[in-house]
Amino acid sequence: MIYFLLMAVLALVVWLGTLLWVEAGQLPRGQRLERVRQSPQWADGEFHNQETTPQFTGDKSALRVMWDFMFSKMDGLSPLNPVPTVKTDLKAIQRHEEVVVWLGHSSVFVQTGGKRFLFDPVLTATLPVTLFMRPFKGADTYTPADLPPVDYLIITHDHWDHLDYHTVKALRKRVGAVVCPLGVGQHFEYWGYEAHLVHEMDWGDSLAIDSTATLRCLPARHFSGRLLGRNRTLWASYLIDGARRIYVSGDGGYDRRFAAIGKKYPGIDLAIMENGQYNADWRYIHMMPHLLPQAVDDLGAGRLLTYHNSKYALARHRWNEPLDSIASAARGHGWQLLTPRIGQPVNLEASQAQQFDRWWEF
């Protein structure tokens, strides 16, 4: 009996390890690796931020930070009840509509200028990822089957909560092109995407969408790595630069890049900004809540929609603290705060400001 039990445990470990290895993807090689090495952001075998960015800050060791993250107790990390959401038929949205739909955490569906953009879709919950990243009840409303065909699948960086193997595999036949930072394209090729569909970009690169719009790859202040090889792929933010300018921040702490972006690309209509999973112990790689309003001011954005919250507990703060914080801090600023529920469409052409309830206080 003990023998068979040990064999069963070994088989389970091998199975989970195999799944994890496949889902971890593949480090850049060949031409992709050569382009990585030519990047101005690359030095000493890894990518770097524009400003010095220690991953962990304060007096704690990295081991103590991770121990506290994994084992310290805190009330309110997860909601007591299912997160209230809206199930929108995304396939029924007409091409002419100017709309944004937040799908939870950092997954966002954007339709503007007749084109569909899907950012960082993580719409499955399977082993082994659920061992360390389990969605709140209700926040997992959307699955890959709910998505219509998209023109551009855009990845900000290759962390597990932004690039999900099962989601991108399921979407393969409904994706016109993939846009990602340098090195990340290797994951897609490894998972079966054709190389010509994948467009890798460095900070400052651009991709023509059509005669009226351009997708721009811009800096972020973060890091990368899925299992092995930290910072061997790049991280980024993006600007959809057309008749309407929409900025998507990806992950990253505050620095001077927001002012530089706002100066170079004035008139940003909507900023979709990271707000959640922050901690003073890693304050340079995620946006601290007291600095988020300043970042939006720096960008000069007209409207703000925050994300990277309300689906996972990846930091030691109350699950609804990010929205409480920005709802209070937004008062007195010149931009409009948008707080839709997961799945609730934001009409970018609305003649009057849309009203959203404080759903996170249920």
Protein backbone atom coordinates (compact mmCIF):
# COMPACT_ATOMS: atom_id res chain seq x y z
CA MET A 1 0.00 0.00 0.00
CA ILE A 2 2.82 2.41 0.88
CA TYR A 3 4.56 1.56 -2.40
CA PHE A 4 1.47 2.33 -4.48
CA LEU A 5 0.86 5.54 -2.51
CA LEU A 6 4.42 6.71 -3.16
CA MET A 7 4.09 5.87 -6.86
CA ALA A 8 0.82 7.81 -7.05
CA VAL A 9 2.44 10.83 -5.40
CA LEU A 10 5.42 10.60 -7.75
CA ALA A 11 3.14 10.37 -10.77
CA LEU A 12 1.23 13.44 -9.58
CA VAL A 13 4.44 15.42 -9.08
CA VAL A 14 5.71 14.43 -12.55
CA TRP A 15 2.36 15.35 -14.12
CA LEU A 16 2.22 18.75 -12.44
CA GLY A 17 5.87 19.40 -13.23
CA THR A 18 5.32 18.60 -16.90
CA LEU A 19 2.34 20.94 -17.06
CA LEU A 20 4.28 23.70 -15.35
CA TRP A 21 7.24 23.27 -17.71
CA VAL A 22 5.06 23.56 -20.83
CA GLU A 23 3.10 26.52 -19.47
CA ALA A 24 6.33 28.28 -18.49
CA GLY A 25 7.07 28.73 -22.19
CA GLN A 26 10.48 29.08 -23.73
CA LEU A 27 13.28 31.63 -23.47
CA PRO A 28 14.15 33.59 -26.65
CA ARG A 29 16.52 31.95 -29.12
CA GLY A 30 17.75 32.37 -32.67
CA GLN A 31 16.72 35.63 -34.33
CA ARG A 32 14.58 36.60 -31.37
CA LEU A 33 17.55 36.32 -29.05
CA GLU A 34 19.71 38.35 -31.41
CA ARG A 35 17.16 41.15 -31.45
CA VAL A 36 16.94 41.02 -27.65
CA ARG A 37 20.70 41.53 -27.42
CA GLN A 38 20.56 44.55 -29.73
CA SER A 39 18.04 46.38 -27.54
CA PRO A 40 19.21 49.56 -25.73
CA GLN A 41 17.42 48.12 -22.67
CA TRP A 42 19.66 45.01 -22.64
CA ALA A 43 22.93 44.86 -20.68
CA ASP A 44 24.88 42.22 -18.76
CA GLY A 45 22.56 39.41 -19.83
CA GLU A 46 19.20 40.95 -18.90
CA PHE A 47 16.76 43.80 -19.53
CA HIS A 48 16.86 46.90 -17.33
CA ASN A 49 14.47 49.69 -16.38
CA GLN A 50 15.15 53.33 -17.21
CA GLU A 51 15.72 54.04 -13.51
CA THR A 52 17.41 51.88 -10.88
CA THR A 53 14.70 49.49 -9.70
CA PRO A 54 15.42 47.06 -6.87
CA GLN A 55 12.76 44.37 -6.79
CA PHE A 56 12.54 44.36 -2.99
CA THR A 57 12.86 47.45 -0.80
CA GLY A 58 13.19 48.08 2.90
CA ASP A 59 15.09 46.19 5.55
CA LYS A 60 13.60 42.73 4.95
CA SER A 61 15.48 40.06 3.04
CA ALA A 62 13.94 38.66 -0.13
CA LEU A 63 13.31 35.39 1.73
CA ARG A 64 11.48 37.21 4.56
CA VAL A 65 9.37 39.18 2.06
CA MET A 66 8.29 35.97 0.32
CA TRP A 67 7.63 34.24 3.66
CA ASP A 68 5.39 37.09 4.82
CA PHE A 69 3.62 37.10 1.47
CA MET A 70 2.88 33.37 1.62
CA PHE A 71 2.10 32.82 5.28
CA SER A 72 1.15 36.04 7.07
CA LYS A 73 -2.53 36.32 7.98
CA MET A 74 -4.70 39.28 7.06
CA ASP A 75 -8.44 39.85 7.02
CA GLY A 76 -10.11 40.90 3.81
CA LEU A 77 -7.63 39.47 1.31
CA SER A 78 -10.55 37.76 -0.44
CA PRO A 79 -14.22 38.81 -0.63
CA LEU A 80 -16.70 36.95 1.56
CA ASN A 81 -19.26 36.84 -1.26
CA PRO A 82 -18.94 36.39 -5.03
CA VAL A 83 -17.67 39.51 -6.79
CA PRO A 84 -20.64 41.21 -8.54
CA THR A 85 -20.07 41.23 -12.29
CA VAL A 86 -21.92 41.81 -15.58
CA LYS A 87 -22.03 39.13 -18.28
CA THR A 88 -21.95 41.09 -21.55
CA ASP A 89 -22.31 39.34 -24.89
CA LEU A 90 -19.00 40.53 -26.32
CA LYS A 91 -19.74 38.91 -29.66
CA ALA A 92 -22.79 41.14 -30.08
CA ILE A 93 -20.81 44.38 -29.83
CA GLN A 94 -20.87 46.00 -33.25
CA ARG A 95 -17.60 46.97 -34.92
CA HIS A 96 -18.47 50.68 -35.05
CA GLU A 97 -18.93 50.93 -31.27
CA GLU A 98 -16.22 52.63 -29.21
CA VAL A 99 -16.12 50.51 -26.07
CA VAL A 100 -13.88 49.11 -23.35
CA VAL A 101 -14.76 46.05 -21.28
CA TRP A 102 -12.65 45.10 -18.27
CA LEU A 103 -12.68 41.30 -17.92
CA GLY A 104 -11.04 41.13 -14.50
CA HIS A 105 -7.50 41.69 -13.20
CA SER A 106 -5.49 42.97 -16.22
CA SER A 107 -7.60 41.44 -18.99
CA VAL A 108 -9.19 44.19 -21.09
CA PHE A 109 -11.17 44.15 -24.33
CA VAL A 110 -10.86 47.42 -26.27
CA GLN A 111 -12.70 48.28 -29.46
CA THR A 112 -11.85 51.57 -31.14
CA GLY A 113 -11.56 52.75 -34.72
CA GLY A 114 -13.26 49.56 -35.89
CA LYS A 115 -10.44 47.38 -34.48
CA ARG A 116 -10.52 44.95 -31.57
CA PHE A 117 -7.65 44.78 -29.07
CA LEU A 118 -7.35 42.25 -26.26
CA PHE A 119 -4.82 42.97 -23.52
CA ASP A 120 -3.31 40.35 -21.19
CA PRO A 121 -6.16 37.82 -21.25
CA VAL A 122 -6.09 35.38 -18.33
CA LEU A 123 -9.45 33.67 -18.58
CA THR A 124 -8.83 30.13 -17.33
CA ALA A 125 -8.10 28.63 -13.93
CA THR A 126 -6.35 25.27 -14.14
CA LEU A 127 -3.59 23.36 -12.43
CA PRO A 128 -0.78 23.98 -11.73
CA VAL A 129 -1.30 27.76 -11.82
CA THR A 130 -4.22 27.60 -9.38
CA LEU A 131 -1.81 26.34 -6.75
CA PHE A 132 -0.59 29.94 -6.37
CA MET A 133 -3.15 32.07 -8.23
CA ARG A 134 -6.82 31.27 -7.64
CA PRO A 135 -9.55 33.69 -8.83
CA PHE A 136 -12.19 35.03 -6.46
CA LYS A 137 -15.67 33.58 -6.86
CA GLY A 138 -17.62 35.61 -9.39
CA ALA A 139 -14.50 37.26 -10.83
CA ASP A 140 -13.98 34.34 -13.19
CA THR A 141 -17.13 35.15 -15.20
CA TYR A 142 -15.39 35.25 -18.59
CA THR A 143 -13.72 32.40 -20.45
CA PRO A 144 -11.95 32.27 -23.84
CA ALA A 145 -15.20 31.03 -25.41
CA ASP A 146 -16.82 34.41 -24.66
CA LEU A 147 -14.37 36.33 -26.87
CA PRO A 148 -15.13 37.32 -30.45
CA PRO A 149 -12.31 37.32 -33.03
CA VAL A 150 -9.76 40.01 -32.12
CA ASP A 151 -7.44 41.87 -34.45
CA TYR A 152 -4.62 42.28 -31.92
CA LEU A 153 -3.80 40.19 -28.87
CA ILE A 154 -1.42 42.37 -26.84
CA ILE A 155 0.79 41.23 -23.96
CA THR A 156 2.48 43.69 -21.60
CA HIS A 157 4.87 41.13 -20.04
CA ASP A 158 5.18 37.42 -19.47
CA HIS A 159 4.12 36.98 -15.84
CA TRP A 160 1.54 34.28 -15.15
CA ASP A 161 -1.22 36.75 -14.29
CA HIS A 162 -0.79 38.48 -17.69
CA LEU A 163 0.09 35.65 -20.07
CA ASP A 164 -1.92 32.46 -19.66
CA TYR A 165 -1.03 29.41 -21.72
CA HIS A 166 -4.55 27.94 -21.79
CA THR A 167 -6.17 31.23 -22.75
CA VAL A 168 -3.86 32.04 -25.64
CA LYS A 169 -4.03 28.46 -26.90
CA ALA A 170 -7.84 28.61 -26.90
CA LEU A 171 -7.83 31.95 -28.75
CA ARG A 172 -5.39 30.92 -31.48
CA LYS A 173 -7.96 30.70 -34.31
CA ARG A 174 -9.56 34.02 -33.33
CA VAL A 175 -6.42 36.19 -33.22
CA GLY A 176 -5.31 38.24 -36.21
CA ALA A 177 -1.91 39.19 -34.76
CA VAL A 178 0.03 39.06 -31.49
CA VAL A 179 1.92 42.09 -30.19
CA CYS A 180 4.34 41.62 -27.31
CA PRO A 181 7.63 42.95 -25.89
CA LEU A 182 10.98 41.60 -27.04
CA GLY A 183 11.52 37.93 -26.28
CA VAL A 184 7.92 37.14 -25.35
CA GLY A 185 7.17 35.97 -28.88
CA GLN A 186 9.17 32.81 -28.20
CA HIS A 187 6.45 31.65 -25.82
CA PHE A 188 3.85 31.98 -28.57
CA GLU A 189 5.92 30.08 -31.11
CA TYR A 190 6.58 27.33 -28.56
CA TRP A 191 2.83 27.09 -27.97
CA GLY A 192 1.98 26.76 -31.65
CA TYR A 193 1.50 30.28 -33.01
CA GLU A 194 2.93 30.93 -36.46
CA ALA A 195 5.96 33.21 -36.33
CA HIS A 196 4.61 35.67 -38.90
CA LEU A 197 1.64 36.43 -36.64
CA VAL A 198 3.84 37.57 -33.75
CA HIS A 199 5.18 41.14 -33.62
CA GLU A 200 7.81 41.74 -30.95
CA MET A 201 8.41 45.35 -29.97
CA ASP A 202 11.01 47.35 -28.09
CA TRP A 203 10.28 50.60 -26.26
CA GLY A 204 9.79 53.26 -28.90
CA ASP A 205 8.71 50.83 -31.64
CA SER A 206 5.39 51.27 -33.40
CA LEU A 207 3.07 49.16 -35.52
CA ALA A 208 0.70 50.67 -38.09
CA ILE A 209 -2.86 49.51 -37.43
CA ASP A 210 -4.29 51.23 -40.50
CA SER A 211 -3.99 54.63 -42.17
CA THR A 212 -5.46 56.36 -39.12
CA ALA A 213 -4.03 54.53 -36.09
CA THR A 214 -0.72 53.28 -34.71
CA LEU A 215 0.07 50.99 -31.79
CA ARG A 216 3.05 52.28 -29.82
CA CYS A 217 5.20 50.27 -27.41
CA LEU A 218 6.30 52.43 -24.47
CA PRO A 219 8.38 51.96 -21.31
CA ALA A 220 7.24 50.40 -18.05
CA ARG A 221 9.05 49.91 -14.72
CA HIS A 222 8.78 46.27 -13.84
CA PHE A 223 10.52 42.91 -14.41
CA SER A 224 9.82 39.60 -16.18
CA GLY A 225 10.17 35.85 -15.96
CA ARG A 226 7.82 32.86 -15.70
CA LEU A 227 9.90 30.06 -14.22
CA LEU A 228 13.55 30.37 -15.23
CA GLY A 229 15.54 33.29 -16.59
CA ARG A 230 14.51 36.51 -14.83
CA ASN A 231 14.42 39.64 -17.03
CA ARG A 232 15.27 37.73 -20.21
CA THR A 233 12.16 39.19 -21.86
CA LEU A 234 11.03 42.81 -21.91
CA TRP A 235 8.02 44.45 -20.21
CA ALA A 236 6.06 47.37 -21.68
CA SER A 237 3.10 49.71 -21.74
CA TYR A 238 1.15 50.60 -24.90
CA LEU A 239 -0.64 53.47 -26.57
CA ILE A 240 -3.37 53.01 -29.14
CA ASP A 241 -2.72 56.21 -31.06
CA GLY A 242 -5.60 57.02 -33.37
CA ALA A 243 -8.57 59.35 -33.45
CA ARG A 244 -8.77 58.40 -29.77
CA ARG A 245 -5.68 57.87 -27.64
CA ILE A 246 -5.88 54.98 -25.16
CA TYR A 247 -2.96 54.22 -22.86
CA VAL A 248 -2.54 50.83 -21.14
CA SER A 249 0.07 50.86 -18.39
CA GLY A 250 0.85 47.21 -17.79
CA ASP A 251 2.56 46.70 -14.43
CA GLY A 252 5.11 49.05 -12.95
CA GLY A 253 5.98 51.52 -10.25
CA TYR A 254 5.88 55.29 -10.57
CA ASP A 255 8.67 57.19 -12.31
CA ARG A 256 9.24 60.01 -14.80
CA ARG A 257 7.97 58.04 -17.80
CA PHE A 258 4.38 59.15 -17.28
CA ALA A 259 5.25 62.82 -17.65
CA ALA A 260 7.39 62.03 -20.71
CA ILE A 261 4.56 60.05 -22.33
CA GLY A 262 2.01 62.76 -21.55
CA LYS A 263 4.25 65.42 -23.07
CA LYS A 264 4.98 63.44 -26.24
CA TYR A 265 1.40 62.20 -26.73
CA PRO A 266 -0.93 64.90 -25.39
CA GLY A 267 -4.67 64.41 -25.27
CA ILE A 268 -4.82 60.86 -23.95
CA ASP A 269 -8.52 60.14 -23.75
CA LEU A 270 -8.40 57.10 -21.50
CA ALA A 271 -5.65 55.72 -19.24
CA ILE A 272 -6.03 52.10 -18.12
CA MET A 273 -3.73 51.95 -15.12
CA GLU A 274 -2.40 49.36 -12.67
CA ASN A 275 -4.03 49.65 -9.26
CA GLY A 276 -3.59 46.66 -6.96
CA GLN A 277 -1.16 43.97 -5.77
CA TYR A 278 1.09 46.68 -4.32
CA ASN A 279 3.22 46.55 -1.20
CA ALA A 280 5.84 48.81 0.35
CA ASP A 281 8.25 45.87 0.13
CA TRP A 282 8.12 46.08 -3.69
CA ARG A 283 7.10 49.68 -4.21
CA TYR A 284 9.24 50.28 -7.31
CA ILE A 285 7.77 47.47 -9.43
CA HIS A 286 4.06 48.05 -8.73
CA MET A 287 2.11 51.28 -8.52
CA MET A 288 1.60 52.45 -4.95
CA PRO A 289 -1.91 53.86 -4.47
CA HIS A 290 -0.83 57.29 -3.23
CA LEU A 291 1.18 57.79 -6.46
CA LEU A 292 -1.50 56.69 -8.91
CA PRO A 293 -3.29 60.08 -9.09
CA GLN A 294 0.04 61.78 -9.79
CA ALA A 295 0.76 59.33 -12.62
CA VAL A 296 -2.61 60.12 -14.21
CA ASP A 297 -1.98 63.85 -13.82
CA ASP A 298 1.43 63.39 -15.46
CA LEU A 299 -0.18 61.62 -18.42
CA GLY A 300 -2.77 64.37 -18.80
CA ALA A 301 -5.47 61.74 -19.33
CA GLY A 302 -9.12 62.69 -19.51
CA ARG A 303 -10.44 59.46 -18.02
CA LEU A 304 -9.04 56.73 -15.78
CA LEU A 305 -10.00 53.08 -15.54
CA THR A 306 -7.95 51.04 -13.09
CA TYR A 307 -7.19 47.34 -13.28
CA HIS A 308 -4.92 44.66 -11.74
CA ASN A 309 -7.40 44.25 -8.89
CA SER A 310 -10.54 42.39 -7.77
CA LYS A 311 -9.70 38.91 -9.10
CA TYR A 312 -6.64 37.56 -7.25
CA ALA A 313 -4.98 38.09 -3.88
CA LEU A 314 -1.36 38.61 -4.96
CA ALA A 315 -0.42 41.12 -2.24
CA ARG A 316 -1.22 41.73 1.40
CA HIS A 317 -3.97 44.32 1.16
CA ARG A 318 -7.75 44.09 1.36
CA TRP A 319 -9.11 42.92 -1.97
CA ASN A 320 -11.22 46.10 -2.40
CA GLU A 321 -8.67 48.56 -1.01
CA PRO A 322 -7.39 49.64 -4.47
CA LEU A 323 -10.83 50.86 -5.54
CA ASP A 324 -11.57 52.46 -2.18
CA SER A 325 -8.28 54.30 -2.41
CA ILE A 326 -8.63 55.69 -5.93
CA ALA A 327 -12.31 56.60 -5.42
CA SER A 328 -11.26 58.84 -2.53
CA ALA A 329 -8.12 60.17 -4.19
CA ALA A 330 -9.84 61.08 -7.47
CA ARG A 331 -11.71 63.99 -5.93
CA GLY A 332 -10.31 67.32 -7.03
CA HIS A 333 -8.46 66.02 -10.07
CA GLY A 334 -9.24 67.02 -13.63
CA TRP A 335 -9.88 63.50 -14.90
CA GLN A 336 -12.95 61.31 -14.62
CA LEU A 337 -12.69 58.04 -12.72
CA LEU A 338 -14.44 55.05 -14.31
CA THR A 339 -15.26 52.14 -11.98
CA PRO A 340 -17.22 49.58 -14.00
CA ARG A 341 -17.92 46.11 -12.72
CA ILE A 342 -16.08 43.29 -14.40
CA GLY A 343 -17.81 42.88 -17.76
CA GLN A 344 -19.68 46.20 -17.66
CA PRO A 345 -19.09 48.07 -20.96
CA VAL A 346 -17.61 51.57 -20.89
CA ASN A 347 -18.96 53.63 -23.78
CA LEU A 348 -16.14 55.87 -24.98
CA GLU A 349 -18.51 58.02 -27.02
CA ALA A 350 -21.06 58.66 -24.28
CA SER A 351 -22.18 62.28 -24.45
CA GLN A 352 -22.54 62.31 -20.68
CA ALA A 353 -20.33 60.73 -18.07
CA GLN A 354 -21.36 57.17 -17.29
CA GLN A 355 -22.31 56.49 -13.71
CA PHE A 356 -21.05 53.41 -11.91
CA ASP A 357 -22.08 52.13 -8.49
CA ARG A 358 -19.63 51.35 -5.68
CA TRP A 359 -19.98 47.64 -6.35
CA TRP A 360 -16.85 46.74 -4.36
CA GLU A 361 -18.66 47.73 -1.14
CA PHE A 362 -21.29 44.98 -1.39
